[in-house]
C-alpha atoms as a PDB file:
ATOM      1  CA  MET A   1      -6.504  13.314 -14.482  1.00  0.00           C
ATOM      2  CA  ARG A   2      -4.825  10.221 -15.639  1.00  0.00           C
ATOM      3  CA  THR A   3      -2.214  10.285 -12.661  1.00  0.00           C
ATOM      4  CA  PHE A   4      -5.282  10.814 -10.156  1.00  0.00           C
ATOM      5  CA  LEU A   5      -6.579   7.536 -11.630  1.00  0.00           C
ATOM      6  CA  ILE A   6      -3.224   5.575 -11.289  1.00  0.00           C
ATOM      7  CA  VAL A   7      -3.511   6.816  -7.743  1.00  0.00           C
ATOM      8  CA  ILE A   8      -7.141   5.943  -6.920  1.00  0.00           C
ATOM      9  CA  LEU A   9      -5.945   2.388  -8.329  1.00  0.00           C
ATOM     10  CA  LEU A  10      -3.031   1.965  -6.123  1.00  0.00           C
ATOM     11  CA  VAL A  11      -4.869   3.181  -2.991  1.00  0.00           C
ATOM     12  CA  PHE A  12      -7.640   0.420  -3.654  1.00  0.00           C
ATOM     13  CA  SER A  13      -5.065  -2.279  -4.521  1.00  0.00           C
ATOM     14  CA  ASN A  14      -3.148  -1.174  -1.127  1.00  0.00           C
ATOM     15  CA  ILE A  15      -5.936  -1.613   0.888  1.00  0.00           C
ATOM     16  CA  PHE A  16      -6.493  -5.309  -0.137  1.00  0.00           C
ATOM     17  CA  MET A  17      -2.867  -5.606   0.016  1.00  0.00           C
ATOM     18  CA  THR A  18      -2.471  -4.484   3.280  1.00  0.00           C
ATOM     19  CA  THR A  19      -5.208  -6.353   4.693  1.00  0.00           C
ATOM     20  CA  ALA A  20      -3.968  -9.527   2.890  1.00  0.00           C
ATOM     21  CA  TRP A  21      -0.582  -9.150   4.864  1.00  0.00           C
ATOM     22  CA  TYR A  22      -1.608  -7.873   8.342  1.00  0.00           C
ATOM     23  CA  TRP A  23      -5.275  -8.703   9.028  1.00  0.00           C
ATOM     24  CA  HIS A  24      -4.072 -11.825  11.138  1.00  0.00           C
ATOM     25  CA  LEU A  25      -1.867  -9.968  13.178  1.00  0.00           C
ATOM     26  CA  LYS A  26      -4.814  -8.507  15.525  1.00  0.00           C
ATOM     27  CA  PRO A  27      -5.283 -10.657  18.707  1.00  0.00           C
ATOM     28  CA  GLY A  28      -7.652 -13.435  18.417  1.00  0.00           C
ATOM     29  CA  PHE A  29      -5.907 -15.163  15.290  1.00  0.00           C
ATOM     30  CA  THR A  30      -3.261 -16.934  17.017  1.00  0.00           C
ATOM     31  CA  ASN A  31      -5.171 -20.150  16.930  1.00  0.00           C
ATOM     32  CA  VAL A  32      -5.908 -20.244  13.181  1.00  0.00           C
ATOM     33  CA  PRO A  33      -3.499 -22.598  11.093  1.00  0.00           C
ATOM     34  CA  ILE A  34      -0.788 -20.798   9.326  1.00  0.00           C
ATOM     35  CA  TRP A  35      -2.204 -22.683   6.068  1.00  0.00           C
ATOM     36  CA  LYS A  36      -5.607 -20.894   6.521  1.00  0.00           C
ATOM     37  CA  ILE A  37      -3.929 -17.694   7.125  1.00  0.00           C
ATOM     38  CA  ILE A  38      -2.000 -18.025   3.816  1.00  0.00           C
ATOM     39  CA  LEU A  39      -5.313 -19.062   1.858  1.00  0.00           C
ATOM     40  CA  ILE A  40      -7.231 -16.213   3.304  1.00  0.00           C
ATOM     41  CA  SER A  41      -4.567 -13.912   2.472  1.00  0.00           C
ATOM     42  CA  TRP A  42      -3.970 -15.030  -1.002  1.00  0.00           C
ATOM     43  CA  GLY A  43      -7.865 -14.954  -1.622  1.00  0.00           C
ATOM     44  CA  ILE A  44      -7.600 -10.926  -0.369  1.00  0.00           C
ATOM     45  CA  ALA A  45      -4.528 -10.679  -2.624  1.00  0.00           C
ATOM     46  CA  ILE A  46      -5.875 -11.299  -5.901  1.00  0.00           C
ATOM     47  CA  PHE A  47      -7.971  -8.262  -5.725  1.00  0.00           C
ATOM     48  CA  GLU A  48      -4.727  -6.197  -5.157  1.00  0.00           C
ATOM     49  CA  TYR A  49      -3.284  -7.688  -8.373  1.00  0.00           C
ATOM     50  CA  CYS A  50      -6.219  -6.882 -10.315  1.00  0.00           C
ATOM     51  CA  LEU A  51      -5.960  -3.526  -9.575  1.00  0.00           C
ATOM     52  CA  THR A  52      -1.740  -2.929  -9.286  1.00  0.00           C
ATOM     53  CA  VAL A  53      -1.282  -4.272 -12.620  1.00  0.00           C
ATOM     54  CA  PRO A  54      -3.618  -2.337 -14.439  1.00  0.00           C
ATOM     55  CA  ALA A  55      -2.395   0.911 -12.669  1.00  0.00           C
ATOM     56  CA  ASN A  56       1.231   0.032 -13.566  1.00  0.00           C
ATOM     57  CA  HIS A  57       0.545  -0.948 -17.168  1.00  0.00           C
ATOM     58  CA  TYR A  58      -1.766   1.847 -17.947  1.00  0.00           C
ATOM     59  CA  GLY A  59       0.459   4.572 -15.984  1.00  0.00           C
ATOM     60  CA  ASN A  60       3.637   3.480 -17.998  1.00  0.00           C
ATOM     61  CA  GLU A  61       2.024   3.409 -20.886  1.00  0.00           C
ATOM     62  CA  TRP A  62       0.449   7.070 -20.161  1.00  0.00           C
ATOM     63  CA  GLY A  63       4.113   8.280 -19.532  1.00  0.00           C
ATOM     64  CA  ILE A  64       4.928   7.664 -15.713  1.00  0.00           C
ATOM     65  CA  SER A  65       8.098   5.750 -15.670  1.00  0.00           C
ATOM     66  CA  PRO A  66       8.284   2.869 -13.688  1.00  0.00           C
ATOM     67  CA  PHE A  67      10.432   4.521 -10.847  1.00  0.00           C
ATOM     68  CA  LYS A  68       7.889   7.074 -10.585  1.00  0.00           C
ATOM     69  CA  LEU A  69       5.062   4.733 -10.182  1.00  0.00           C
ATOM     70  CA  LYS A  70       7.015   2.766  -7.634  1.00  0.00           C
ATOM     71  CA  ILE A  71       7.445   5.625  -5.519  1.00  0.00           C
ATOM     72  CA  ILE A  72       3.977   6.651  -6.000  1.00  0.00           C
ATOM     73  CA  GLN A  73       3.137   3.028  -4.781  1.00  0.00           C
ATOM     74  CA  GLU A  74       5.318   3.142  -1.704  1.00  0.00           C
ATOM     75  CA  VAL A  75       3.863   6.633  -0.551  1.00  0.00           C
ATOM     76  CA  VAL A  76       0.337   5.298  -1.104  1.00  0.00           C
ATOM     77  CA  THR A  77       1.608   2.200   1.077  1.00  0.00           C
ATOM     78  CA  LEU A  78       2.685   3.992   3.772  1.00  0.00           C
ATOM     79  CA  VAL A  79      -0.789   5.869   4.192  1.00  0.00           C
ATOM     80  CA  VAL A  80      -2.923   3.113   3.837  1.00  0.00           C
ATOM     81  CA  PHE A  81      -0.715   1.067   6.140  1.00  0.00           C
ATOM     82  CA  THR A  82      -0.478   4.228   8.884  1.00  0.00           C
ATOM     83  CA  PHE A  83      -4.247   4.112   8.763  1.00  0.00           C
ATOM     84  CA  PHE A  84      -4.689   0.152   9.142  1.00  0.00           C
ATOM     85  CA  ALA A  85      -2.331  -0.116  11.782  1.00  0.00           C
ATOM     86  CA  VAL A  86      -3.945   2.960  14.059  1.00  0.00           C
ATOM     87  CA  PHE A  87      -7.744   1.938  13.260  1.00  0.00           C
ATOM     88  CA  TYR A  88      -7.620  -1.648  12.729  1.00  0.00           C
ATOM     89  CA  LEU A  89      -4.372  -3.103  14.769  1.00  0.00           C
ATOM     90  CA  LYS A  90      -4.924  -0.345  17.266  1.00  0.00           C
ATOM     91  CA  GLN A  91      -1.084   0.586  17.419  1.00  0.00           C
ATOM     92  CA  PRO A  92       0.263   3.837  18.720  1.00  0.00           C
ATOM     93  CA  PHE A  93       1.428   6.571  16.436  1.00  0.00           C
ATOM     94  CA  HIS A  94       4.597   7.967  17.385  1.00  0.00           C
ATOM     95  CA  TRP A  95       5.986  11.609  16.376  1.00  0.00           C
ATOM     96  CA  LYS A  96       9.019   9.762  14.785  1.00  0.00           C
ATOM     97  CA  TYR A  97       7.097   8.058  11.974  1.00  0.00           C
ATOM     98  CA  LEU A  98       6.019  11.623  11.002  1.00  0.00           C
ATOM     99  CA  VAL A  99       9.779  12.275  10.821  1.00  0.00           C
ATOM    100  CA  SER A 100      10.326   9.249   8.960  1.00  0.00           C
ATOM    101  CA  PHE A 101       7.620  10.005   6.332  1.00  0.00           C
ATOM    102  CA  ALA A 102       8.807  13.578   5.965  1.00  0.00           C
ATOM    103  CA  PHE A 103      12.098  12.152   4.566  1.00  0.00           C
ATOM    104  CA  ILE A 104      10.293   9.637   2.338  1.00  0.00           C
ATOM    105  CA  LEU A 105       8.222  12.768   1.007  1.00  0.00           C
ATOM    106  CA  GLY A 106      11.669  14.513   0.415  1.00  0.00           C
ATOM    107  CA  ALA A 107      12.621  11.438  -1.204  1.00  0.00           C
ATOM    108  CA  VAL A 108       9.346  11.605  -3.596  1.00  0.00           C
ATOM    109  CA  TYR A 109       9.924  15.496  -4.244  1.00  0.00           C
ATOM    110  CA  PHE A 110      13.423  14.648  -5.758  1.00  0.00           C
ATOM    111  CA  ALA A 111      12.092  11.864  -7.634  1.00  0.00           C
ATOM    112  CA  PHE A 112       9.695  14.082  -9.414  1.00  0.00           C
ATOM    113  CA  LYS A 113      11.938  17.110  -9.811  1.00  0.00           C
ATOM    114  CA  GLN A 114      12.321  18.107 -13.176  1.00  0.00           C
END
């Protein structure tokens, strides 16, 4: 249950972080000054920190190693980014990305193997 809570916190933190980093790549933002993009992104990113820091703090306190927390974070990042890229940025999803994700999942398997 604790690991599930950590994953949920990381999912929501990644939604904020992905939005903060990539929202402005959608067509229509080319005329927005970069300083405004940076300020808006930092305003969004504060919520990411409010979720990631507790997830990592409690995850470590509850016995999840920093390496495992980072690996969980990276998998969550890829999943969240995939949805964001396909549905918000309207990017095509290629089969080669699935192969790449399979290799990353292999890395996760070995990292968590007893």
